C-alpha atoms as a PDB file:
ATOM      1  CA  UNK A   1      33.920  73.289 219.326  1.00  0.00           C
ATOM      2  CA  UNK A   2      34.503  73.707 215.651  1.00  0.00           C
ATOM      3  CA  UNK A   3      35.025  70.183 214.999  1.00  0.00           C
ATOM      4  CA  UNK A   4      34.976  69.019 211.274  1.00  0.00           C
ATOM      5  CA  UNK A   5      33.897  65.642 210.827  1.00  0.00           C
ATOM      6  CA  UNK A   6      34.045  63.753 207.530  1.00  0.00           C
ATOM      7  CA  UNK A   7      32.509  60.448 206.172  1.00  0.00           C
ATOM      8  CA  UNK A   8      34.243  57.680 207.668  1.00  0.00           C
ATOM      9  CA  UNK A   9      36.057  54.861 205.577  1.00  0.00           C
ATOM     10  CA  UNK A  10      33.083  52.589 205.388  1.00  0.00           C
ATOM     11  CA  UNK A  11      30.258  55.436 204.738  1.00  0.00           C
ATOM     12  CA  UNK A  12      28.258  54.198 207.673  1.00  0.00           C
ATOM     13  CA  UNK A  13      29.458  57.092 210.084  1.00  0.00           C
ATOM     14  CA  UNK A  14      31.572  60.071 210.613  1.00  0.00           C
ATOM     15  CA  UNK A  15      35.127  60.842 211.816  1.00  0.00           C
ATOM     16  CA  UNK A  16      37.322  63.687 213.054  1.00  0.00           C
ATOM     17  CA  UNK A  17      40.788  64.018 213.722  1.00  0.00           C
ATOM     18  CA  UNK A  18      41.902  66.919 216.160  1.00  0.00           C
ATOM     19  CA  UNK A  19      44.112  68.003 218.871  1.00  0.00           C
ATOM     20  CA  UNK A  20      42.614  69.661 222.024  1.00  0.00           C
ATOM     21  CA  UNK A  21      44.282  72.738 223.340  1.00  0.00           C
ATOM     22  CA  UNK A  22      45.347  73.446 226.881  1.00  0.00           C
ATOM     23  CA  UNK A  23      42.013  75.518 227.268  1.00  0.00           C
ATOM     24  CA  UNK A  24      39.983  72.171 227.629  1.00  0.00           C
ATOM     25  CA  UNK A  25      42.603  70.768 230.114  1.00  0.00           C
ATOM     26  CA  UNK A  26      41.117  69.318 233.806  1.00  0.00           C
ATOM     27  CA  UNK A  27      44.115  67.801 235.493  1.00  0.00           C
ATOM     28  CA  UNK A  28      47.500  68.659 233.996  1.00  0.00           C
ATOM     29  CA  UNK A  29      47.751  67.196 230.337  1.00  0.00           C
ATOM     30  CA  UNK A  30      44.254  65.627 230.148  1.00  0.00           C
ATOM     31  CA  UNK A  31      41.093  66.906 228.929  1.00  0.00           C
ATOM     32  CA  UNK A  32      38.341  67.844 231.288  1.00  0.00           C
ATOM     33  CA  UNK A  33      35.626  65.238 231.736  1.00  0.00           C
ATOM     34  CA  UNK A  34      33.017  67.471 230.466  1.00  0.00           C
ATOM     35  CA  UNK A  35      34.939  68.459 227.559  1.00  0.00           C
ATOM     36  CA  UNK A  36      35.369  64.487 226.821  1.00  0.00           C
ATOM     37  CA  UNK A  37      31.727  63.954 226.980  1.00  0.00           C
ATOM     38  CA  UNK A  38      31.194  67.116 224.522  1.00  0.00           C
ATOM     39  CA  UNK A  39      33.343  65.025 222.089  1.00  0.00           C
ATOM     40  CA  UNK A  40      31.211  61.938 222.170  1.00  0.00           C
ATOM     41  CA  UNK A  41      28.104  64.215 221.859  1.00  0.00           C
ATOM     42  CA  UNK A  42      29.432  65.945 219.021  1.00  0.00           C
ATOM     43  CA  UNK A  43      30.291  62.862 217.295  1.00  0.00           C
ATOM     44  CA  UNK A  44      26.902  61.306 217.949  1.00  0.00           C
ATOM     45  CA  UNK A  45      25.195  64.465 216.534  1.00  0.00           C
ATOM     46  CA  UNK A  46      27.118  64.584 213.385  1.00  0.00           C
ATOM     47  CA  UNK A  47      26.179  60.949 212.951  1.00  0.00           C
ATOM     48  CA  UNK A  48      22.820  61.938 212.909  1.00  0.00           C
ATOM     49  CA  UNK A  49      23.132  64.553 210.744  1.00  0.00           C
ATOM     50  CA  UNK A  50      25.293  62.244 208.293  1.00  0.00           C
ATOM     51  CA  UNK A  51      21.992  59.959 208.385  1.00  0.00           C
ATOM     52  CA  UNK A  52      19.929  62.803 207.384  1.00  0.00           C
ATOM     53  CA  UNK A  53      18.444  63.664 210.746  1.00  0.00           C
ATOM     54  CA  UNK A  54      18.479  66.675 212.913  1.00  0.00           C
ATOM     55  CA  UNK A  55      18.898  65.186 216.097  1.00  0.00           C
ATOM     56  CA  UNK A  56      19.027  66.248 219.664  1.00  0.00           C
ATOM     57  CA  UNK A  57      20.169  64.555 222.509  1.00  0.00           C
ATOM     58  CA  UNK A  58      17.912  62.630 224.644  1.00  0.00           C
ATOM     59  CA  UNK A  59      20.280  60.619 226.646  1.00  0.00           C
ATOM     60  CA  UNK A  60      23.981  59.384 226.779  1.00  0.00           C
ATOM     61  CA  UNK A  61      25.727  56.613 228.472  1.00  0.00           C
ATOM     62  CA  UNK A  62      29.647  57.044 228.793  1.00  0.00           C
ATOM     63  CA  UNK A  63      32.468  54.377 229.679  1.00  0.00           C
ATOM     64  CA  UNK A  64      35.668  56.652 230.335  1.00  0.00           C
ATOM     65  CA  UNK A  65      38.332  53.902 229.496  1.00  0.00           C
ATOM     66  CA  UNK A  66      41.808  56.147 229.680  1.00  0.00           C
ATOM     67  CA  UNK A  67      42.313  59.864 229.912  1.00  0.00           C
ATOM     68  CA  UNK A  68      41.932  62.078 226.821  1.00  0.00           C
ATOM     69  CA  UNK A  69      45.194  63.710 226.105  1.00  0.00           C
ATOM     70  CA  UNK A  70      45.749  67.506 225.428  1.00  0.00           C
ATOM     71  CA  UNK A  71      48.075  68.543 222.797  1.00  0.00           C
ATOM     72  CA  UNK A  72      48.151  65.039 221.023  1.00  0.00           C
ATOM     73  CA  UNK A  73      46.232  63.933 218.189  1.00  0.00           C
ATOM     74  CA  UNK A  74      42.894  61.968 218.860  1.00  0.00           C
ATOM     75  CA  UNK A  75      40.256  60.441 216.560  1.00  0.00           C
ATOM     76  CA  UNK A  76      36.688  60.829 217.104  1.00  0.00           C
ATOM     77  CA  UNK A  77      33.972  58.535 215.629  1.00  0.00           C
ATOM     78  CA  UNK A  78      30.194  58.314 215.558  1.00  0.00           C
ATOM     79  CA  UNK A  79      27.725  56.433 213.626  1.00  0.00           C
ATOM     80  CA  UNK A  80      23.719  55.462 214.023  1.00  0.00           C
ATOM     81  CA  UNK A  81      23.287  52.078 214.965  1.00  0.00           C
ATOM     82  CA  UNK A  82      19.549  51.771 214.476  1.00  0.00           C
ATOM     83  CA  UNK A  83      16.405  53.604 214.352  1.00  0.00           C
ATOM     84  CA  UNK A  84      13.043  53.270 215.796  1.00  0.00           C
ATOM     85  CA  UNK A  85      10.356  55.951 214.816  1.00  0.00           C
ATOM     86  CA  UNK A  86      11.918  59.067 215.704  1.00  0.00           C
ATOM     87  CA  UNK A  87      14.325  57.933 217.977  1.00  0.00           C
ATOM     88  CA  UNK A  88      18.122  57.041 216.725  1.00  0.00           C
ATOM     89  CA  UNK A  89      20.452  54.927 218.909  1.00  0.00           C
ATOM     90  CA  UNK A  90      23.905  56.002 218.159  1.00  0.00           C
ATOM     91  CA  UNK A  91      27.326  55.347 219.087  1.00  0.00           C
ATOM     92  CA  UNK A  92      30.668  57.235 219.761  1.00  0.00           C
ATOM     93  CA  UNK A  93      34.237  56.850 220.592  1.00  0.00           C
ATOM     94  CA  UNK A  94      37.439  58.805 221.384  1.00  0.00           C
ATOM     95  CA  UNK A  95      40.703  57.159 220.428  1.00  0.00           C
ATOM     96  CA  UNK A  96      44.085  58.144 220.900  1.00  0.00           C
ATOM     97  CA  UNK A  97      46.649  57.889 217.931  1.00  0.00           C
ATOM     98  CA  UNK A  98      47.427  54.429 218.363  1.00  0.00           C
ATOM     99  CA  UNK A  99      43.714  53.614 217.983  1.00  0.00           C
ATOM    100  CA  UNK A 100      43.285  52.869 221.678  1.00  0.00           C
ATOM    101  CA  UNK A 101      39.645  53.584 223.006  1.00  0.00           C
ATOM    102  CA  UNK A 102      40.019  56.260 225.589  1.00  0.00           C
ATOM    103  CA  UNK A 103      36.084  56.985 225.703  1.00  0.00           C
ATOM    104  CA  UNK A 104      33.213  55.188 224.090  1.00  0.00           C
ATOM    105  CA  UNK A 105      29.457  55.670 224.768  1.00  0.00           C
ATOM    106  CA  UNK A 106      25.702  55.247 223.336  1.00  0.00           C
ATOM    107  CA  UNK A 107      23.037  57.757 223.187  1.00  0.00           C
ATOM    108  CA  UNK A 108      19.485  58.361 222.062  1.00  0.00           C
ATOM    109  CA  UNK A 109      18.890  61.164 219.891  1.00  0.00           C
ATOM    110  CA  UNK A 110      15.380  62.435 218.993  1.00  0.00           C
ATOM    111  CA  UNK A 111      14.888  63.325 215.376  1.00  0.00           C
ATOM    112  CA  UNK A 112      13.563  66.627 215.033  1.00  0.00           C
ATOM    113  CA  UNK A 113      13.294  66.010 211.075  1.00  0.00           C
ATOM    114  CA  UNK A 114      15.241  66.024 208.075  1.00  0.00           C
ATOM    115  CA  UNK A 115      18.622  67.791 208.230  1.00  0.00           C
ATOM    116  CA  UNK A 116      18.189  69.459 204.818  1.00  0.00           C
ATOM    117  CA  UNK A 117      14.931  70.954 205.955  1.00  0.00           C
ATOM    118  CA  UNK A 118      16.558  73.732 208.075  1.00  0.00           C
ATOM    119  CA  UNK A 119      19.526  76.259 207.912  1.00  0.00           C
ATOM    120  CA  UNK A 120      21.683  74.972 210.463  1.00  0.00           C
ATOM    121  CA  UNK A 121      24.942  76.426 211.644  1.00  0.00           C
ATOM    122  CA  UNK A 122      26.733  73.320 211.273  1.00  0.00           C
ATOM    123  CA  UNK A 123      28.050  71.460 207.977  1.00  0.00           C
ATOM    124  CA  UNK A 124      26.927  67.963 208.382  1.00  0.00           C
ATOM    125  CA  UNK A 125      28.540  65.520 206.056  1.00  0.00           C
ATOM    126  CA  UNK A 126      25.854  64.147 203.740  1.00  0.00           C
ATOM    127  CA  UNK A 127      26.064  60.417 203.001  1.00  0.00           C
ATOM    128  CA  UNK A 128      27.916  59.793 199.649  1.00  0.00           C
END
């Protein structure tokens, strides 16, 4: 989705601000549910990268609180909660311009090694 994540304010995860185009619309004025889940997955993947891991999605549980709007700025956040062996427990949120949570979830990502050990098409934000 060509999203640009940066380190969040507290340094423990990543954040992205974006506005979705009408191509991602489901019902009029709101993002398709699959697109909304993709935003959450991207936030979690970038959080894993920020934590130094080349993570692969093993599973995601999501809660849709409110529709994700089209043509209005949203904020996408992700962070790694904990790690057990090679499994990362990650959290993600999609918020509207007022900071209201629209979508949130948890995921399990399997670490496939260090992010800096490979050439990847993405530019993950390293820890400061």
